[in-house]
Protein backbone atom coordinates (compact mmCIF):
# COMPACT_ATOMS: atom_id res chain seq x y z
CA MET A 1 182.52 10.50 131.92
CA GLU A 2 179.06 11.78 132.91
CA ALA A 3 177.47 14.20 130.53
CA VAL A 4 174.38 16.46 130.97
CA CYS A 5 172.01 17.07 128.13
CA GLN A 6 170.90 20.70 127.87
CA VAL A 7 168.33 20.34 124.99
CA CYS A 8 165.17 20.37 127.24
CA MET A 9 164.05 20.93 130.80
CA HIS A 10 164.92 17.40 131.85
CA HIS A 11 168.81 18.04 131.76
CA CYS A 12 169.35 14.35 131.77
CA ARG A 13 172.64 13.39 133.63
CA LEU A 14 173.77 10.46 131.41
CA GLN A 15 176.54 7.90 132.23
CA PRO A 16 178.70 6.69 129.37
CA GLY A 17 176.36 4.61 126.95
CA GLN A 18 173.23 5.81 128.73
CA TRP A 19 170.26 7.23 126.62
CA GLY A 20 168.21 10.34 127.68
CA ILE A 21 164.44 10.25 128.55
CA CYS A 22 163.71 11.18 124.90
CA ARG A 23 165.51 7.83 123.60
CA ALA A 24 166.98 10.06 120.90
CA ARG A 25 170.16 11.36 122.63
CA LYS A 26 172.93 9.40 124.21
CA ASN A 27 176.21 9.78 126.05
CA GLU A 28 178.92 8.63 123.80
CA GLY A 29 182.52 9.22 125.08
CA GLY A 30 181.52 11.96 127.45
CA GLU A 31 179.44 13.85 124.81
CA VAL A 32 175.64 13.91 124.38
CA VAL A 33 175.11 12.80 120.67
CA CYS A 34 171.90 13.03 118.63
CA LYS A 35 171.25 9.57 117.58
CA ASN A 36 168.09 10.05 115.42
CA TYR A 37 169.97 12.41 112.94
CA GLY A 38 168.52 11.71 109.52
CA ARG A 39 166.65 8.55 110.81
CA ILE A 40 163.17 8.67 109.33
CA SER A 41 160.23 6.66 110.58
CA SER A 42 157.53 8.61 108.56
CA LEU A 43 157.35 10.56 105.31
CA ALA A 44 154.09 11.76 103.79
CA LEU A 45 152.76 14.62 101.62
CA ASP A 46 149.93 16.02 104.03
CA PRO A 47 147.48 18.84 103.80
CA ILE A 48 148.99 21.79 105.76
CA GLU A 49 145.57 21.78 107.76
CA LYS A 50 146.58 18.39 109.29
CA LYS A 51 149.57 19.91 111.14
CA PRO A 52 147.26 21.66 112.19
CA LEU A 53 147.79 25.10 110.52
CA LYS A 54 144.67 26.89 109.38
CA MET A 55 146.10 30.28 108.73
CA PHE A 56 149.29 29.60 106.89
CA TYR A 57 148.99 28.79 103.21
CA PRO A 58 145.64 27.15 103.51
CA GLY A 59 144.84 24.64 100.92
CA SER A 60 148.50 23.71 100.25
CA LEU A 61 150.41 20.46 100.93
CA ILE A 62 153.68 20.10 102.93
CA LEU A 63 156.15 17.05 102.96
CA SER A 64 155.89 15.86 106.53
CA VAL A 65 158.78 13.99 108.23
CA GLY A 66 159.12 12.15 111.48
CA SER A 67 161.81 10.37 113.28
CA PHE A 68 161.67 8.71 116.72
CA GLY A 69 161.64 9.92 120.31
CA CYS A 70 159.97 12.41 122.57
CA ASN A 71 160.75 14.02 125.85
CA LEU A 72 157.18 14.02 127.20
CA ARG A 73 155.23 10.85 128.34
CA CYS A 74 151.62 11.73 127.30
CA PRO A 75 149.31 8.78 128.02
CA PHE A 76 147.04 9.69 124.96
CA CYS A 77 149.87 10.04 122.47
CA GLN A 78 148.59 9.47 118.94
CA ASN A 79 151.96 8.58 117.43
CA HIS A 80 153.30 6.52 120.38
CA GLU A 81 154.51 3.83 118.00
CA ILE A 82 157.37 6.25 116.94
CA SER A 83 157.51 8.90 119.55
CA MET A 84 157.84 6.44 122.52
CA THR A 85 160.37 4.09 120.87
CA GLY A 86 164.10 4.08 120.28
CA PRO A 87 166.14 3.31 117.29
CA MET A 88 166.09 -0.46 117.86
CA GLU A 89 162.34 -0.75 118.19
CA GLU A 90 161.07 0.77 114.93
CA GLU A 91 161.96 0.14 111.33
CA ILE A 92 163.96 3.33 110.44
CA SER A 93 165.40 4.48 107.07
CA SER A 94 168.22 7.15 106.63
CA ILE A 95 168.02 10.30 104.68
CA SER A 96 170.48 13.24 104.37
CA PRO A 97 169.23 16.90 104.88
CA LYS A 98 170.23 17.40 101.18
CA SER A 99 168.09 14.51 100.05
CA LEU A 100 165.07 15.56 102.09
CA ALA A 101 165.33 19.20 100.82
CA MET A 102 165.60 18.16 97.22
CA ALA A 103 162.52 15.74 97.73
CA SER A 104 160.48 18.76 98.92
CA LEU A 105 161.41 20.44 95.72
CA GLU A 106 160.34 17.52 93.66
CA TYR A 107 157.00 17.60 95.09
CA GLN A 108 156.49 21.38 94.48
CA ASN A 109 154.54 20.57 91.25
CA GLN A 110 152.01 18.70 93.33
CA GLY A 111 151.30 21.68 95.70
CA ASN A 112 154.05 21.06 98.11
CA ILE A 113 155.35 24.28 99.89
CA GLY A 114 158.10 22.77 101.89
CA VAL A 115 158.99 20.53 104.85
CA ALA A 116 157.19 19.88 108.04
CA PHE A 117 159.01 18.39 111.04
CA THR A 118 156.43 16.35 112.84
CA TYR A 119 154.96 13.04 114.11
CA ASN A 120 157.44 12.57 116.93
CA GLU A 121 159.04 15.43 118.80
CA PRO A 122 161.44 16.99 116.23
CA LEU A 123 163.41 19.06 118.79
CA VAL A 124 164.99 16.02 120.45
CA GLY A 125 166.92 15.84 117.33
CA TRP A 126 167.11 19.67 116.46
CA GLU A 127 170.29 19.39 114.58
CA PHE A 128 168.79 17.61 111.73
CA VAL A 129 165.90 20.11 111.70
CA ARG A 130 168.46 23.00 111.63
CA ASP A 131 170.56 21.46 108.81
CA THR A 132 167.55 20.40 106.56
CA ALA A 133 165.48 23.66 107.21
CA GLU A 134 168.53 25.74 106.02
CA LEU A 135 168.61 23.94 102.83
CA VAL A 136 164.88 24.06 102.25
CA LYS A 137 164.93 27.82 102.90
CA ASP A 138 167.60 28.20 100.25
CA LEU A 139 165.40 26.48 97.83
CA GLY A 140 162.72 29.25 98.40
CA MET A 141 160.41 26.87 100.25
CA LYS A 142 158.82 26.82 103.83
CA ASN A 143 159.73 25.10 107.02
CA VAL A 144 157.12 24.07 109.59
CA LEU A 145 157.62 22.70 113.10
CA VAL A 146 155.14 20.69 114.97
CA THR A 147 156.32 20.66 118.58
CA ASN A 148 155.51 20.31 122.14
CA GLY A 149 157.49 23.34 122.93
CA THR A 150 159.46 21.98 125.74
CA ALA A 151 162.96 22.59 124.35
CA SER A 152 165.41 24.91 125.94
CA LEU A 153 165.14 28.53 124.48
CA TRP A 154 168.74 28.34 123.06
CA VAL A 155 167.56 25.42 120.80
CA LEU A 156 164.59 27.63 119.67
CA GLU A 157 166.95 30.50 118.93
CA LYS A 158 169.17 28.15 116.74
CA LEU A 159 166.23 27.23 114.58
CA LEU A 160 164.17 30.53 114.27
CA PRO A 161 166.06 31.88 111.45
CA TRP A 162 164.84 28.98 109.31
CA ILE A 163 161.31 28.26 110.57
CA ASP A 164 158.34 29.79 109.00
CA ALA A 165 155.50 28.44 111.05
CA MET A 166 154.90 26.31 114.05
CA ASN A 167 152.09 24.47 115.72
CA ILE A 168 152.85 24.27 119.38
CA ASP A 169 151.08 21.95 121.70
CA LEU A 170 149.77 23.73 124.87
CA LYS A 171 148.62 20.56 126.66
CA GLY A 172 146.67 22.55 129.36
CA PHE A 173 147.08 25.38 131.57
CA GLY A 174 148.67 24.38 134.81
CA GLU A 175 151.89 23.08 136.21
CA GLU A 176 150.37 19.93 137.88
CA TYR A 177 149.06 18.65 134.49
CA TYR A 178 152.41 19.18 132.78
CA LYS A 179 154.05 17.25 135.61
CA GLU A 180 151.71 14.39 134.89
CA LEU A 181 152.85 14.46 131.23
CA GLY A 182 156.54 14.73 132.15
CA GLY A 183 156.83 18.41 131.05
CA SER A 184 157.31 21.90 132.31
CA PHE A 185 154.48 24.48 132.11
CA GLU A 186 156.87 27.51 132.39
CA THR A 187 159.15 26.10 129.72
CA VAL A 188 156.32 25.85 127.08
CA LYS A 189 155.03 29.27 127.99
CA GLU A 190 158.46 30.79 127.47
CA PHE A 191 158.88 28.82 124.18
CA ILE A 192 155.49 30.17 122.91
CA SER A 193 156.21 33.78 123.94
CA CYS A 194 159.56 33.68 122.13
CA ALA A 195 158.43 31.87 118.98
CA ALA A 196 155.40 34.12 118.47
CA LYS A 197 157.63 37.13 118.09
CA LYS A 198 159.55 35.64 115.22
CA CYS A 199 157.26 33.45 113.08
CA HIS A 200 153.68 32.29 112.46
CA VAL A 201 152.50 30.32 115.56
CA GLU A 202 149.35 28.32 116.06
CA LEU A 203 148.61 26.40 119.18
CA THR A 204 146.78 23.20 119.95
CA THR A 205 144.99 22.06 123.13
CA LEU A 206 143.74 18.44 123.22
CA ILE A 207 140.75 18.49 125.64
CA VAL A 208 141.05 15.34 127.86
CA PRO A 209 137.89 14.66 130.00
CA GLY A 210 138.62 15.27 133.72
CA LYS A 211 141.99 16.71 133.11
CA ASN A 212 142.00 20.00 131.35
CA ASP A 213 138.31 20.44 130.36
CA SER A 214 137.10 23.10 132.87
CA PRO A 215 135.80 26.51 131.63
CA GLU A 216 137.92 28.21 134.25
CA GLU A 217 141.15 26.66 133.01
CA MET A 218 140.34 27.45 129.23
CA GLU A 219 139.58 31.12 130.35
CA GLN A 220 142.96 31.33 132.11
CA GLU A 221 144.62 29.81 128.99
CA ALA A 222 142.83 32.17 126.63
CA ARG A 223 143.61 35.20 128.62
CA TRP A 224 147.27 34.24 128.68
CA ILE A 225 147.49 33.53 124.97
CA ALA A 226 145.82 36.93 124.27
CA SER A 227 148.50 38.62 126.41
CA VAL A 228 151.11 37.25 124.03
CA ASP A 229 148.97 38.02 121.00
CA ASP A 230 145.23 37.81 120.61
CA LYS A 231 145.75 36.95 116.89
CA ILE A 232 147.37 33.54 117.69
CA PRO A 233 145.18 30.80 116.38
CA LEU A 234 144.03 28.23 119.03
CA HIS A 235 142.85 24.81 117.94
CA VAL A 236 140.61 23.23 120.68
CA THR A 237 140.74 19.57 119.91
CA ARG A 238 138.67 16.57 120.87
CA PHE A 239 140.39 13.57 122.59
CA PHE A 240 139.84 9.97 121.38
CA PRO A 241 140.92 7.02 123.39
CA ARG A 242 144.74 6.20 122.50
CA TYR A 243 147.76 4.51 123.76
CA HIS A 244 147.37 4.10 127.65
CA MET A 245 143.96 5.80 127.72
CA GLN A 246 142.17 3.45 125.52
CA ASP A 247 139.44 2.67 128.20
CA GLU A 248 138.64 6.42 128.47
CA GLY A 249 135.72 7.93 126.69
CA ALA A 250 136.17 10.44 123.99
CA THR A 251 135.59 14.26 124.87
CA PRO A 252 131.94 15.20 124.26
CA VAL A 253 131.62 17.21 121.18
CA GLU A 254 129.56 19.83 123.14
CA SER A 255 132.33 20.28 125.59
CA VAL A 256 134.92 21.10 122.80
CA TYR A 257 132.41 23.63 121.29
CA ALA A 258 131.77 25.23 124.65
CA LEU A 259 135.42 25.57 125.46
CA ALA A 260 136.11 27.04 122.05
CA GLU A 261 133.40 29.65 122.70
CA THR A 262 135.08 30.35 125.98
CA ALA A 263 138.47 30.92 124.37
CA GLY A 264 136.75 33.09 121.58
CA LYS A 265 135.95 35.69 124.27
CA TYR A 266 139.63 36.55 124.23
CA LEU A 267 141.02 35.31 120.85
CA ARG A 268 140.32 36.29 117.37
CA ASN A 269 140.90 32.89 115.86
CA VAL A 270 139.67 29.77 117.57
CA PHE A 271 139.18 26.51 115.72
CA THR A 272 137.71 23.04 116.74
CA GLY A 273 139.27 19.80 115.72
CA ASN A 274 138.28 16.10 115.58
CA CYS A 275 134.63 17.06 116.13
């Protein structure tokens, strides 16, 4: 029996045994099942600034966990080894929500404040995020979500009671660019607007030469962010050749600084990254 996945804007129509675009969800017996639940490809104690979060418990560490799968197809992906693979293509270990929550507590004496769901796109396996985050919260610790923000709003609503902070990628400011990446511009704007009302949100825009590096686009982006909340921090980040864009040149540092200055006309907190 065909099943339709409702987790993101793709609404993948899956035949029995078929995987979704994200490579993390599958039609089993007419039901869309999360196949990366508790499947861990990466686990590390990271500085909170690496998420990046500059205005949420600065100087602290956070236990960062990743699985596999993503619902976008960014040709510059920095974590393509895990985000663009499925369960058979990557060495994966298993962990329960309780074990991960307890691990976060064990690292508390090293400066850990909680768990960050990151590295791949965590919302393609939102059920594991929900179950773990609830336990982490019960332990008095923090939950951070690093996401592309292209999940359905009902998924966001399921998670918001447990999430303390997010870094959301705002890839650029236009529908055409989002189509190139396999995403939805309107979906991410709605996601950001909703999330910013309920938890601490910071945004990241990776500046790719010739794609989203015009001053006009950055001005439109910054104006829109300010219309949501001009205190939302924006990270304007330098592109380096990765994945399918290894023959491209890195973003000139002066371009990143100039675009950050443009954004700063409308936003109170603008940071540059990878410069």
